[in-house]
Amino acid sequence: DSLPAVLRSLNERQEVPAGIAVDGLEVAPADYLAAAARALRALLESGEPPGSLRIVPTVCRSEEQVDQQAAESGWRSVMLPPGFAAPNLVELARLGAWTLKPAVLCA
């Protein structure tokens, strides 16, 4: 049931929705995409779609690559005014970090 809504969002806005309704529950995009990837892998390996699919919370390790200390160090640059801080940029980087991973199809 959720696939048409996700495909519509991809086609109309070129983005995965911030939340995806599955059986009346709101699912995070990373959790949904991880489940979709497992389903695709099962289909490619066996030639059959899985009979059922479990959506479980994922751990997004790419967020760990956003370095708060490096950002704060950069804010002390001579090019920026004294006392400059941009914590929202660090949060934005953290939120977007998972989108930076390349997808590799293994045949």
Protein backbone atom coordinates (compact mmCIF):
# COMPACT_ATOMS: atom_id res chain seq x y z
CA ASP A 1 0.00 0.00 0.00
CA SER A 2 2.85 2.41 0.74
CA LEU A 3 4.74 1.91 -2.52
CA PRO A 4 2.45 4.08 -4.73
CA ALA A 5 2.79 7.02 -2.30
CA VAL A 6 6.58 6.68 -2.20
CA LEU A 7 6.81 6.43 -6.00
CA ARG A 8 4.54 9.47 -6.38
CA SER A 9 6.79 11.49 -4.05
CA LEU A 10 9.87 10.37 -5.96
CA ASN A 11 8.32 11.32 -9.30
CA GLU A 12 6.73 14.61 -8.24
CA ARG A 13 9.28 16.00 -5.79
CA GLN A 14 12.37 13.86 -6.43
CA GLU A 15 12.52 12.94 -2.76
CA VAL A 16 11.65 10.13 -0.39
CA PRO A 17 8.85 11.25 1.97
CA ALA A 18 9.87 12.25 5.50
CA GLY A 19 7.49 9.61 6.84
CA ILE A 20 5.86 6.63 5.15
CA ALA A 21 2.54 5.14 6.27
CA VAL A 22 2.71 1.34 6.54
CA ASP A 23 -0.24 -0.50 8.09
CA GLY A 24 -1.35 2.66 9.86
CA LEU A 25 2.08 3.38 11.36
CA GLU A 26 4.56 6.09 10.37
CA VAL A 27 7.89 4.58 9.26
CA ALA A 28 11.17 6.49 8.93
CA PRO A 29 12.57 6.71 5.38
CA ALA A 30 15.79 4.89 6.31
CA ASP A 31 13.83 1.99 7.84
CA TYR A 32 11.54 1.77 4.80
CA LEU A 33 14.42 1.89 2.30
CA ALA A 34 16.39 -0.74 4.23
CA ALA A 35 13.36 -3.07 4.12
CA ALA A 36 12.92 -2.35 0.39
CA ALA A 37 16.58 -3.18 -0.19
CA ARG A 38 16.17 -6.50 1.65
CA ALA A 39 13.10 -7.29 -0.47
CA LEU A 40 14.99 -6.46 -3.67
CA ARG A 41 17.93 -8.62 -2.61
CA ALA A 42 15.59 -11.55 -1.90
CA LEU A 43 13.92 -11.07 -5.29
CA LEU A 44 17.26 -10.96 -7.12
CA GLU A 45 18.62 -13.99 -5.27
CA SER A 46 15.58 -16.27 -5.52
CA GLY A 47 13.57 -14.83 -8.39
CA GLU A 48 10.58 -14.57 -6.04
CA PRO A 49 9.45 -11.64 -3.90
CA PRO A 50 9.51 -12.35 -0.16
CA GLY A 51 6.23 -13.57 1.31
CA SER A 52 6.49 -11.05 4.13
CA LEU A 53 8.79 -8.22 5.07
CA ARG A 54 9.71 -6.90 8.49
CA ILE A 55 10.48 -3.21 8.90
CA VAL A 56 12.93 -2.69 11.76
CA PRO A 57 14.72 0.44 12.99
CA THR A 58 18.02 1.03 11.22
CA VAL A 59 21.22 2.48 12.61
CA CYS A 60 22.45 5.34 10.45
CA ARG A 61 26.22 5.32 11.01
CA SER A 62 26.87 7.98 8.37
CA GLU A 63 25.72 10.62 10.88
CA GLU A 64 28.84 9.83 12.89
CA GLN A 65 30.92 11.33 10.06
CA VAL A 66 29.59 14.83 10.83
CA ASP A 67 32.24 16.30 13.16
CA GLN A 68 30.88 18.84 15.65
CA GLN A 69 34.37 19.75 16.90
CA ALA A 70 35.68 20.36 13.38
CA ALA A 71 32.73 22.65 12.70
CA GLU A 72 33.31 24.61 15.90
CA SER A 73 37.01 24.89 15.06
CA GLY A 74 36.11 26.25 11.62
CA TRP A 75 33.86 28.86 13.19
CA ARG A 76 36.97 30.41 14.80
CA SER A 77 38.43 31.14 11.35
CA VAL A 78 39.74 34.67 10.79
CA MET A 79 37.28 34.95 7.89
CA LEU A 80 34.30 34.78 10.26
CA PRO A 81 33.24 37.35 12.84
CA PRO A 82 34.21 36.69 16.48
CA GLY A 83 31.64 34.53 18.26
CA PHE A 84 30.23 33.10 15.01
CA ALA A 85 28.37 29.80 15.42
CA ALA A 86 26.10 27.84 13.10
CA PRO A 87 24.79 24.84 15.06
CA ASN A 88 21.83 24.46 12.69
CA LEU A 89 24.25 23.79 9.82
CA VAL A 90 25.79 20.93 11.78
CA GLU A 91 22.31 19.50 12.45
CA LEU A 92 21.42 19.90 8.77
CA ALA A 93 24.62 18.06 7.80
CA ARG A 94 23.73 15.27 10.24
CA LEU A 95 20.22 14.95 8.80
CA GLY A 96 21.51 14.82 5.23
CA ALA A 97 24.51 12.57 5.86
CA TRP A 98 22.67 9.31 5.08
CA THR A 99 21.89 10.53 1.55
CA LEU A 100 25.58 10.81 0.66
CA LYS A 101 26.26 7.07 0.47
CA PRO A 102 26.61 5.67 -3.04
CA ALA A 103 24.51 2.69 -4.01
CA VAL A 104 26.36 -0.22 -5.56
CA LEU A 105 24.50 -3.03 -7.28
CA CYS A 106 26.31 -6.33 -6.82
CA ALA A 107 25.47 -8.80 -9.54
